[in-house]
C-alpha atoms as a PDB file:
ATOM      1  CA  UNK A   1       4.568  56.411 -19.018  1.00  0.00           C
ATOM      2  CA  UNK A   2       3.672  58.677 -16.537  1.00  0.00           C
ATOM      3  CA  UNK A   3       6.093  59.894 -13.908  1.00  0.00           C
ATOM      4  CA  UNK A   4       3.958  57.903 -11.222  1.00  0.00           C
ATOM      5  CA  UNK A   5       4.308  54.978 -13.313  1.00  0.00           C
ATOM      6  CA  UNK A   6       8.293  55.295 -13.615  1.00  0.00           C
ATOM      7  CA  UNK A   7       8.253  55.789  -9.881  1.00  0.00           C
ATOM      8  CA  UNK A   8       5.916  52.844  -9.024  1.00  0.00           C
ATOM      9  CA  UNK A   9       8.184  50.711 -11.445  1.00  0.00           C
ATOM     10  CA  UNK A  10      11.553  52.007  -9.826  1.00  0.00           C
ATOM     11  CA  UNK A  11       9.746  51.020  -6.004  1.00  0.00           C
ATOM     12  CA  UNK A  12       9.005  47.548  -7.211  1.00  0.00           C
ATOM     13  CA  UNK A  13      12.407  46.993  -8.740  1.00  0.00           C
ATOM     14  CA  UNK A  14      14.396  48.408  -5.328  1.00  0.00           C
ATOM     15  CA  UNK A  15      11.678  45.788  -3.458  1.00  0.00           C
ATOM     16  CA  UNK A  16      12.622  43.054  -5.497  1.00  0.00           C
ATOM     17  CA  UNK A  17      16.186  43.459  -5.295  1.00  0.00           C
ATOM     18  CA  UNK A  18      16.169  44.031  -1.597  1.00  0.00           C
ATOM     19  CA  UNK A  19      14.083  40.964  -1.490  1.00  0.00           C
ATOM     20  CA  UNK A  20      16.552  38.831  -3.490  1.00  0.00           C
ATOM     21  CA  UNK A  21      19.834  40.464  -1.480  1.00  0.00           C
ATOM     22  CA  UNK A  22      18.045  39.518   1.952  1.00  0.00           C
ATOM     23  CA  UNK A  23      17.114  35.914   0.628  1.00  0.00           C
ATOM     24  CA  UNK A  24      20.553  35.155  -0.615  1.00  0.00           C
ATOM     25  CA  UNK A  25      22.401  36.974   3.014  1.00  0.00           C
ATOM     26  CA  UNK A  26      19.593  34.106   5.239  1.00  0.00           C
ATOM     27  CA  UNK A  27      20.326  31.617   2.808  1.00  0.00           C
ATOM     28  CA  UNK A  28      23.668  32.248   2.649  1.00  0.00           C
ATOM     29  CA  UNK A  29      23.500  32.013   6.511  1.00  0.00           C
ATOM     30  CA  UNK A  30      21.627  29.036   6.736  1.00  0.00           C
ATOM     31  CA  UNK A  31      24.210  26.887   4.682  1.00  0.00           C
ATOM     32  CA  UNK A  32      26.957  28.131   6.272  1.00  0.00           C
ATOM     33  CA  UNK A  33      25.391  26.951   9.811  1.00  0.00           C
ATOM     34  CA  UNK A  34      24.837  23.754   8.674  1.00  0.00           C
ATOM     35  CA  UNK A  35      28.440  23.280   7.078  1.00  0.00           C
ATOM     36  CA  UNK A  36      29.749  24.386  10.421  1.00  0.00           C
ATOM     37  CA  UNK A  37      27.922  22.706  13.344  1.00  0.00           C
ATOM     38  CA  UNK A  38      29.441  22.899  16.735  1.00  0.00           C
ATOM     39  CA  UNK A  39      32.199  20.406  17.464  1.00  0.00           C
ATOM     40  CA  UNK A  40      31.680  18.374  20.298  1.00  0.00           C
ATOM     41  CA  UNK A  41      35.249  18.575  21.792  1.00  0.00           C
ATOM     42  CA  UNK A  42      34.818  15.943  24.270  1.00  0.00           C
ATOM     43  CA  UNK A  43      32.165  13.449  23.558  1.00  0.00           C
ATOM     44  CA  UNK A  44      30.506  11.616  26.324  1.00  0.00           C
ATOM     45  CA  UNK A  45      32.157   8.014  26.558  1.00  0.00           C
ATOM     46  CA  UNK A  46      30.215   5.073  26.482  1.00  0.00           C
ATOM     47  CA  UNK A  47      29.445   3.608  29.871  1.00  0.00           C
ATOM     48  CA  UNK A  48      31.078   0.266  31.275  1.00  0.00           C
ATOM     49  CA  UNK A  49      33.137  -0.054  28.385  1.00  0.00           C
ATOM     50  CA  UNK A  50      37.035   0.176  28.449  1.00  0.00           C
ATOM     51  CA  UNK A  51      38.410   3.473  26.269  1.00  0.00           C
ATOM     52  CA  UNK A  52      38.261   3.056  22.884  1.00  0.00           C
ATOM     53  CA  UNK A  53      41.629   3.275  20.563  1.00  0.00           C
ATOM     54  CA  UNK A  54      41.273   7.120  19.448  1.00  0.00           C
ATOM     55  CA  UNK A  55      42.846   7.726  15.801  1.00  0.00           C
ATOM     56  CA  UNK A  56      43.166  10.975  13.713  1.00  0.00           C
ATOM     57  CA  UNK A  57      42.635   9.586  10.267  1.00  0.00           C
ATOM     58  CA  UNK A  58      43.776  11.139   7.149  1.00  0.00           C
ATOM     59  CA  UNK A  59      40.523  12.310   4.956  1.00  0.00           C
ATOM     60  CA  UNK A  60      42.440  14.026   2.238  1.00  0.00           C
ATOM     61  CA  UNK A  61      43.008  18.205   1.651  1.00  0.00           C
ATOM     62  CA  UNK A  62      45.397  18.112   4.691  1.00  0.00           C
ATOM     63  CA  UNK A  63      42.547  17.027   7.531  1.00  0.00           C
ATOM     64  CA  UNK A  64      42.788  14.284   9.814  1.00  0.00           C
ATOM     65  CA  UNK A  65      39.483  13.268  11.399  1.00  0.00           C
ATOM     66  CA  UNK A  66      38.932  11.851  14.777  1.00  0.00           C
ATOM     67  CA  UNK A  67      37.773   8.082  15.154  1.00  0.00           C
ATOM     68  CA  UNK A  68      37.060   6.014  18.388  1.00  0.00           C
ATOM     69  CA  UNK A  69      38.133   1.979  17.285  1.00  0.00           C
ATOM     70  CA  UNK A  70      36.716  -0.469  19.463  1.00  0.00           C
ATOM     71  CA  UNK A  71      38.445  -3.919  17.979  1.00  0.00           C
ATOM     72  CA  UNK A  72      36.676  -6.840  17.488  1.00  0.00           C
ATOM     73  CA  UNK A  73      36.279 -10.567  18.970  1.00  0.00           C
ATOM     74  CA  UNK A  74      34.182 -11.875  16.139  1.00  0.00           C
ATOM     75  CA  UNK A  75      36.191 -10.602  13.322  1.00  0.00           C
ATOM     76  CA  UNK A  76      33.351  -8.129  12.402  1.00  0.00           C
ATOM     77  CA  UNK A  77      33.800  -4.417  12.327  1.00  0.00           C
ATOM     78  CA  UNK A  78      30.637  -1.814  11.943  1.00  0.00           C
ATOM     79  CA  UNK A  79      31.735   1.555  10.985  1.00  0.00           C
ATOM     80  CA  UNK A  80      29.074   3.852  12.648  1.00  0.00           C
ATOM     81  CA  UNK A  81      28.404   7.611  11.245  1.00  0.00           C
ATOM     82  CA  UNK A  82      26.173  10.126  13.131  1.00  0.00           C
ATOM     83  CA  UNK A  83      24.408  13.079  12.382  1.00  0.00           C
ATOM     84  CA  UNK A  84      25.407  16.679  13.012  1.00  0.00           C
ATOM     85  CA  UNK A  85      26.951  15.707  16.192  1.00  0.00           C
ATOM     86  CA  UNK A  86      29.120  12.686  15.333  1.00  0.00           C
ATOM     87  CA  UNK A  87      28.940   9.303  15.974  1.00  0.00           C
ATOM     88  CA  UNK A  88      31.681   9.180  18.916  1.00  0.00           C
ATOM     89  CA  UNK A  89      30.788   7.638  22.492  1.00  0.00           C
ATOM     90  CA  UNK A  90      27.560   7.915  23.885  1.00  0.00           C
ATOM     91  CA  UNK A  91      25.201   9.202  20.595  1.00  0.00           C
ATOM     92  CA  UNK A  92      23.505   8.169  17.804  1.00  0.00           C
ATOM     93  CA  UNK A  93      24.070   5.581  16.533  1.00  0.00           C
ATOM     94  CA  UNK A  94      23.931   3.435  19.587  1.00  0.00           C
ATOM     95  CA  UNK A  95      26.795   0.660  19.536  1.00  0.00           C
ATOM     96  CA  UNK A  96      27.216  -0.430  23.148  1.00  0.00           C
ATOM     97  CA  UNK A  97      24.807  -3.498  22.452  1.00  0.00           C
ATOM     98  CA  UNK A  98      27.039  -4.544  19.458  1.00  0.00           C
ATOM     99  CA  UNK A  99      30.245  -4.245  22.050  1.00  0.00           C
ATOM    100  CA  UNK A 100      28.414  -6.573  24.335  1.00  0.00           C
ATOM    101  CA  UNK A 101      28.106  -8.991  21.368  1.00  0.00           C
ATOM    102  CA  UNK A 102      31.319  -8.926  20.278  1.00  0.00           C
ATOM    103  CA  UNK A 103      31.477  -6.489  17.347  1.00  0.00           C
ATOM    104  CA  UNK A 104      34.236  -4.078  16.644  1.00  0.00           C
ATOM    105  CA  UNK A 105      32.970  -0.569  16.106  1.00  0.00           C
ATOM    106  CA  UNK A 106      34.721   2.449  14.727  1.00  0.00           C
ATOM    107  CA  UNK A 107      32.751   5.760  15.813  1.00  0.00           C
ATOM    108  CA  UNK A 108      33.451   8.401  13.248  1.00  0.00           C
ATOM    109  CA  UNK A 109      33.635  11.980  14.108  1.00  0.00           C
ATOM    110  CA  UNK A 110      32.013  14.746  12.003  1.00  0.00           C
ATOM    111  CA  UNK A 111      33.996  16.735   9.516  1.00  0.00           C
ATOM    112  CA  UNK A 112      34.027  19.985  11.629  1.00  0.00           C
ATOM    113  CA  UNK A 113      36.060  18.270  14.272  1.00  0.00           C
ATOM    114  CA  UNK A 114      38.964  17.552  12.108  1.00  0.00           C
ATOM    115  CA  UNK A 115      42.396  19.101  12.330  1.00  0.00           C
ATOM    116  CA  UNK A 116      41.728  21.587  10.750  1.00  0.00           C
ATOM    117  CA  UNK A 117      38.258  21.708  10.630  1.00  0.00           C
ATOM    118  CA  UNK A 118      36.392  20.705   7.380  1.00  0.00           C
ATOM    119  CA  UNK A 119      32.866  21.632   6.365  1.00  0.00           C
ATOM    120  CA  UNK A 120      30.471  19.439   6.692  1.00  0.00           C
ATOM    121  CA  UNK A 121      28.517  18.345   3.444  1.00  0.00           C
ATOM    122  CA  UNK A 122      25.521  16.464   4.762  1.00  0.00           C
ATOM    123  CA  UNK A 123      26.465  13.058   3.293  1.00  0.00           C
ATOM    124  CA  UNK A 124      28.519  14.177  -0.074  1.00  0.00           C
ATOM    125  CA  UNK A 125      31.971  14.612   1.050  1.00  0.00           C
ATOM    126  CA  UNK A 126      31.384  12.526   4.400  1.00  0.00           C
ATOM    127  CA  UNK A 127      31.752   9.143   1.549  1.00  0.00           C
ATOM    128  CA  UNK A 128      35.373   9.866   1.250  1.00  0.00           C
ATOM    129  CA  UNK A 129      35.602  10.022   4.983  1.00  0.00           C
ATOM    130  CA  UNK A 130      34.519   6.091   4.954  1.00  0.00           C
ATOM    131  CA  UNK A 131      37.179   5.513   2.325  1.00  0.00           C
ATOM    132  CA  UNK A 132      39.674   6.352   4.945  1.00  0.00           C
ATOM    133  CA  UNK A 133      38.570   4.415   7.452  1.00  0.00           C
ATOM    134  CA  UNK A 134      38.568   1.271   5.062  1.00  0.00           C
ATOM    135  CA  UNK A 135      41.975   1.875   4.598  1.00  0.00           C
ATOM    136  CA  UNK A 136      42.387   2.248   8.104  1.00  0.00           C
ATOM    137  CA  UNK A 137      40.518  -1.393   8.825  1.00  0.00           C
ATOM    138  CA  UNK A 138      42.384  -3.135   6.109  1.00  0.00           C
ATOM    139  CA  UNK A 139      45.620  -2.997   8.562  1.00  0.00           C
ATOM    140  CA  UNK A 140      44.063  -4.875  11.154  1.00  0.00           C
ATOM    141  CA  UNK A 141      44.438  -8.676  10.269  1.00  0.00           C
ATOM    142  CA  UNK A 142      41.569  -9.232  12.971  1.00  0.00           C
ATOM    143  CA  UNK A 143      38.900  -7.467  10.824  1.00  0.00           C
ATOM    144  CA  UNK A 144      37.325  -9.788   8.387  1.00  0.00           C
ATOM    145  CA  UNK A 145      34.219  -8.518   7.486  1.00  0.00           C
ATOM    146  CA  UNK A 146      32.938  -4.763   7.265  1.00  0.00           C
ATOM    147  CA  UNK A 147      29.837  -3.034   7.505  1.00  0.00           C
ATOM    148  CA  UNK A 148      28.084   0.240   7.585  1.00  0.00           C
ATOM    149  CA  UNK A 149      25.259   1.849  10.711  1.00  0.00           C
ATOM    150  CA  UNK A 150      24.594   5.356   9.968  1.00  0.00           C
ATOM    151  CA  UNK A 151      21.938   7.546  11.458  1.00  0.00           C
ATOM    152  CA  UNK A 152      20.340  11.072  10.061  1.00  0.00           C
ATOM    153  CA  UNK A 153      23.145  12.122   7.559  1.00  0.00           C
ATOM    154  CA  UNK A 154      25.309   9.061   8.430  1.00  0.00           C
ATOM    155  CA  UNK A 155      22.290   7.123   7.050  1.00  0.00           C
ATOM    156  CA  UNK A 156      23.054   8.852   3.657  1.00  0.00           C
ATOM    157  CA  UNK A 157      26.822   8.691   3.638  1.00  0.00           C
ATOM    158  CA  UNK A 158      26.679   4.758   4.339  1.00  0.00           C
ATOM    159  CA  UNK A 159      24.177   4.322   1.744  1.00  0.00           C
ATOM    160  CA  UNK A 160      26.139   6.024  -0.792  1.00  0.00           C
ATOM    161  CA  UNK A 161      29.806   4.643   0.787  1.00  0.00           C
ATOM    162  CA  UNK A 162      28.451   0.940   0.450  1.00  0.00           C
ATOM    163  CA  UNK A 163      27.488   1.690  -3.302  1.00  0.00           C
ATOM    164  CA  UNK A 164      31.137   2.405  -4.056  1.00  0.00           C
ATOM    165  CA  UNK A 165      32.366   0.147  -1.904  1.00  0.00           C
ATOM    166  CA  UNK A 166      32.520  -3.645  -1.979  1.00  0.00           C
ATOM    167  CA  UNK A 167      34.088  -4.115   1.054  1.00  0.00           C
ATOM    168  CA  UNK A 168      30.891  -2.960   3.001  1.00  0.00           C
ATOM    169  CA  UNK A 169      29.186  -6.166   3.675  1.00  0.00           C
ATOM    170  CA  UNK A 170      25.787  -5.054   4.995  1.00  0.00           C
ATOM    171  CA  UNK A 171      24.206  -1.245   5.780  1.00  0.00           C
ATOM    172  CA  UNK A 172      21.826  -0.331   8.292  1.00  0.00           C
ATOM    173  CA  UNK A 173      20.451   3.262   7.500  1.00  0.00           C
ATOM    174  CA  UNK A 174      18.188   4.695   9.746  1.00  0.00           C
ATOM    175  CA  UNK A 175      16.255   8.504   9.206  1.00  0.00           C
ATOM    176  CA  UNK A 176      17.991   9.574   5.845  1.00  0.00           C
ATOM    177  CA  UNK A 177      16.823  11.691   3.452  1.00  0.00           C
ATOM    178  CA  UNK A 178      16.161  10.324  -0.147  1.00  0.00           C
ATOM    179  CA  UNK A 179      17.477  13.247  -2.546  1.00  0.00           C
ATOM    180  CA  UNK A 180      19.409  16.246  -0.918  1.00  0.00           C
ATOM    181  CA  UNK A 181      18.184  18.577  -3.604  1.00  0.00           C
ATOM    182  CA  UNK A 182      14.800  17.401  -3.224  1.00  0.00           C
ATOM    183  CA  UNK A 183      14.921  17.595   0.582  1.00  0.00           C
ATOM    184  CA  UNK A 184      16.093  21.007   0.333  1.00  0.00           C
ATOM    185  CA  UNK A 185      13.391  22.432  -1.712  1.00  0.00           C
ATOM    186  CA  UNK A 186      10.764  20.324  -0.342  1.00  0.00           C
ATOM    187  CA  UNK A 187       9.808  18.700  -3.393  1.00  0.00           C
ATOM    188  CA  UNK A 188       6.275  18.303  -3.805  1.00  0.00           C
ATOM    189  CA  UNK A 189       4.942  20.436  -1.277  1.00  0.00           C
ATOM    190  CA  UNK A 190       2.621  23.365  -1.856  1.00  0.00           C
ATOM    191  CA  UNK A 191       4.622  26.371  -0.634  1.00  0.00           C
ATOM    192  CA  UNK A 192       4.021  30.114  -0.818  1.00  0.00           C
ATOM    193  CA  UNK A 193       6.415  31.618  -4.003  1.00  0.00           C
ATOM    194  CA  UNK A 194       8.645  33.507  -1.391  1.00  0.00           C
ATOM    195  CA  UNK A 195       9.501  30.324   0.304  1.00  0.00           C
ATOM    196  CA  UNK A 196      10.352  28.205  -2.542  1.00  0.00           C
ATOM    197  CA  UNK A 197      12.518  31.052  -3.919  1.00  0.00           C
ATOM    198  CA  UNK A 198      14.320  31.186  -0.300  1.00  0.00           C
ATOM    199  CA  UNK A 199      14.388  27.199  -0.435  1.00  0.00           C
ATOM    200  CA  UNK A 200      16.078  27.067  -4.033  1.00  0.00           C
ATOM    201  CA  UNK A 201      18.585  29.551  -3.056  1.00  0.00           C
ATOM    202  CA  UNK A 202      19.348  27.267  -0.163  1.00  0.00           C
ATOM    203  CA  UNK A 203      20.286  24.467  -2.812  1.00  0.00           C
ATOM    204  CA  UNK A 204      22.034  26.919  -5.039  1.00  0.00           C
ATOM    205  CA  UNK A 205      24.308  28.353  -2.084  1.00  0.00           C
ATOM    206  CA  UNK A 206      25.014  24.685  -1.071  1.00  0.00           C
ATOM    207  CA  UNK A 207      26.334  23.866  -4.618  1.00  0.00           C
ATOM    208  CA  UNK A 208      28.557  26.887  -4.807  1.00  0.00           C
ATOM    209  CA  UNK A 209      29.872  26.702  -1.546  1.00  0.00           C
ATOM    210  CA  UNK A 210      30.814  22.859  -1.589  1.00  0.00           C
ATOM    211  CA  UNK A 211      31.013  22.399  -5.231  1.00  0.00           C
ATOM    212  CA  UNK A 212      28.412  19.860  -5.323  1.00  0.00           C
ATOM    213  CA  UNK A 213      25.028  19.379  -7.295  1.00  0.00           C
ATOM    214  CA  UNK A 214      22.696  18.817  -4.180  1.00  0.00           C
ATOM    215  CA  UNK A 215      20.644  16.577  -6.720  1.00  0.00           C
ATOM    216  CA  UNK A 216      23.244  14.402  -7.002  1.00  0.00           C
ATOM    217  CA  UNK A 217      23.746  13.439  -3.286  1.00  0.00           C
ATOM    218  CA  UNK A 218      20.615  10.733  -4.126  1.00  0.00           C
ATOM    219  CA  UNK A 219      20.642   7.897  -1.716  1.00  0.00           C
ATOM    220  CA  UNK A 220      17.343   6.830  -3.644  1.00  0.00           C
ATOM    221  CA  UNK A 221      19.348   6.659  -6.950  1.00  0.00           C
ATOM    222  CA  UNK A 222      22.397   4.625  -4.965  1.00  0.00           C
ATOM    223  CA  UNK A 223      20.496   1.820  -3.013  1.00  0.00           C
ATOM    224  CA  UNK A 224      20.060  -0.270  -5.806  1.00  0.00           C
ATOM    225  CA  UNK A 225      23.816  -0.565  -6.532  1.00  0.00           C
ATOM    226  CA  UNK A 226      24.443  -2.096  -3.260  1.00  0.00           C
ATOM    227  CA  UNK A 227      22.620  -5.360  -3.772  1.00  0.00           C
ATOM    228  CA  UNK A 228      23.257  -8.248  -3.384  1.00  0.00           C
ATOM    229  CA  UNK A 229      24.427  -7.088  -0.463  1.00  0.00           C
ATOM    230  CA  UNK A 230      21.555  -6.682   2.207  1.00  0.00           C
ATOM    231  CA  UNK A 231      20.370  -3.039   3.376  1.00  0.00           C
ATOM    232  CA  UNK A 232      18.072  -2.611   6.391  1.00  0.00           C
ATOM    233  CA  UNK A 233      16.211   0.854   6.401  1.00  0.00           C
ATOM    234  CA  UNK A 234      14.498   2.345   9.700  1.00  0.00           C
ATOM    235  CA  UNK A 235      12.215   4.829  10.136  1.00  0.00           C
ATOM    236  CA  UNK A 236       9.973   6.532  12.306  1.00  0.00           C
ATOM    237  CA  UNK A 237       6.914   6.418  11.358  1.00  0.00           C
ATOM    238  CA  UNK A 238       6.409  10.338  11.607  1.00  0.00           C
ATOM    239  CA  UNK A 239       9.144  10.795   9.076  1.00  0.00           C
ATOM    240  CA  UNK A 240       7.729   7.900   6.587  1.00  0.00           C
ATOM    241  CA  UNK A 241       6.585  10.583   4.220  1.00  0.00           C
ATOM    242  CA  UNK A 242       8.947  13.041   4.223  1.00  0.00           C
ATOM    243  CA  UNK A 243      11.922  10.512   3.842  1.00  0.00           C
ATOM    244  CA  UNK A 244       9.870   8.530   1.196  1.00  0.00           C
ATOM    245  CA  UNK A 245      10.881   5.728   2.950  1.00  0.00           C
ATOM    246  CA  UNK A 246       8.620   3.212   1.434  1.00  0.00           C
ATOM    247  CA  UNK A 247      10.282   4.958  -2.029  1.00  0.00           C
ATOM    248  CA  UNK A 248      13.687   3.973  -0.973  1.00  0.00           C
ATOM    249  CA  UNK A 249      12.691   0.660   0.335  1.00  0.00           C
ATOM    250  CA  UNK A 250      11.103  -0.160  -3.134  1.00  0.00           C
ATOM    251  CA  UNK A 251      14.264   1.680  -5.019  1.00  0.00           C
ATOM    252  CA  UNK A 252      16.779  -0.980  -3.007  1.00  0.00           C
ATOM    253  CA  UNK A 253      17.668  -4.278  -4.432  1.00  0.00           C
ATOM    254  CA  UNK A 254      17.078  -7.672  -2.277  1.00  0.00           C
ATOM    255  CA  UNK A 255      17.993  -8.550   0.324  1.00  0.00           C
ATOM    256  CA  UNK A 256      16.556  -5.945   1.866  1.00  0.00           C
ATOM    257  CA  UNK A 257      14.182  -4.875   4.935  1.00  0.00           C
ATOM    258  CA  UNK A 258      12.601  -1.924   6.317  1.00  0.00           C
ATOM    259  CA  UNK A 259      11.300  -1.551   9.765  1.00  0.00           C
ATOM    260  CA  UNK A 260       8.726   1.521  10.505  1.00  0.00           C
ATOM    261  CA  UNK A 261       8.887   2.051  13.966  1.00  0.00           C
ATOM    262  CA  UNK A 262       5.576   2.277  15.599  1.00  0.00           C
ATOM    263  CA  UNK A 263       5.472   5.908  17.294  1.00  0.00           C
ATOM    264  CA  UNK A 264       8.966   6.516  16.326  1.00  0.00           C
ATOM    265  CA  UNK A 265      10.302  10.272  14.825  1.00  0.00           C
ATOM    266  CA  UNK A 266      13.579  11.153  13.852  1.00  0.00           C
ATOM    267  CA  UNK A 267      16.422  10.200  16.674  1.00  0.00           C
ATOM    268  CA  UNK A 268      13.646   8.592  19.021  1.00  0.00           C
ATOM    269  CA  UNK A 269      13.215   5.031  17.481  1.00  0.00           C
ATOM    270  CA  UNK A 270      15.862   3.580  19.899  1.00  0.00           C
ATOM    271  CA  UNK A 271      13.743   5.381  22.747  1.00  0.00           C
ATOM    272  CA  UNK A 272      10.251   4.598  21.714  1.00  0.00           C
ATOM    273  CA  UNK A 273      11.094   0.542  21.431  1.00  0.00           C
ATOM    274  CA  UNK A 274      14.667  -0.397  22.886  1.00  0.00           C
ATOM    275  CA  UNK A 275      14.315  -3.385  23.109  1.00  0.00           C
ATOM    276  CA  UNK A 276      13.046  -4.220  19.949  1.00  0.00           C
ATOM    277  CA  UNK A 277      15.801  -2.050  18.146  1.00  0.00           C
ATOM    278  CA  UNK A 278      18.749  -3.480  19.580  1.00  0.00           C
ATOM    279  CA  UNK A 279      17.417  -7.109  18.932  1.00  0.00           C
ATOM    280  CA  UNK A 280      16.369  -6.384  14.950  1.00  0.00           C
ATOM    281  CA  UNK A 281      19.813  -4.799  14.484  1.00  0.00           C
ATOM    282  CA  UNK A 282      21.796  -7.144  16.020  1.00  0.00           C
ATOM    283  CA  UNK A 283      19.722 -10.304  14.222  1.00  0.00           C
ATOM    284  CA  UNK A 284      20.616  -8.262  10.814  1.00  0.00           C
ATOM    285  CA  UNK A 285      24.259  -8.084  11.491  1.00  0.00           C
ATOM    286  CA  UNK A 286      24.295 -11.452  12.887  1.00  0.00           C
ATOM    287  CA  UNK A 287      22.853 -12.959   9.843  1.00  0.00           C
ATOM    288  CA  UNK A 288      25.162 -11.261   7.413  1.00  0.00           C
ATOM    289  CA  UNK A 289      28.007 -10.735   9.243  1.00  0.00           C
ATOM    290  CA  UNK A 290      29.081 -14.152  11.220  1.00  0.00           C
ATOM    291  CA  UNK A 291      30.139 -17.212   9.324  1.00  0.00           C
END
């Protein structure tokens, strides 16, 4: 091999090494940002509603998580689970219309706001937060039935928690992914090799950082375990393909319901069809939670 060929080989190896180091650094920064979103210290309260009871619930590993509790007048409480901003106050999923009809609500904050702060795991370890909320509700004699209502990351948490907790009598899940590992790497898409390497690096660093295999965080595999309890899946038409909404619906056992919101997108369904949105969710809970 000539000196020139050896030099070219060294330069290629250096370039590949630099690329991999940059790739790992950027992927690590991305995962860290997802794990530590900004905490909303003072969430916007619901309008025209009495102040909720604020409780700091132990979630394990020395952390306490903030929840806002509105007691029920009909014996049914809905655990609400949000996206990266949490579910407290006037945020998604919306709950004011449920309170107006006598339902109790426990709004659960995101883990980054716990004391001390915990890492957000996109629906993996958040299941233990729901377990803690259920323990909290078990001490209230006026609570006869419990449901879960989740948006985005909270949708995944709601499905996975219901698969593990028979106490959850019904689930409304809006805008969740179908499998975290596949979502990270955009499985099935035709991406350039460099982008695919980056996405798989993100998945690997998530696994290392959180100690959780992202391919095992799989709502589409948990949905069948909820039956015979009812599930209501909601997706905007612009997120159906990326979330595999139809495949998730097919995976769920009966009874089940799917609503594709015409013109809807991630986080906009309640704005695109506000009256239909409230009526559909309220009807679902009325049918499955009230005597």
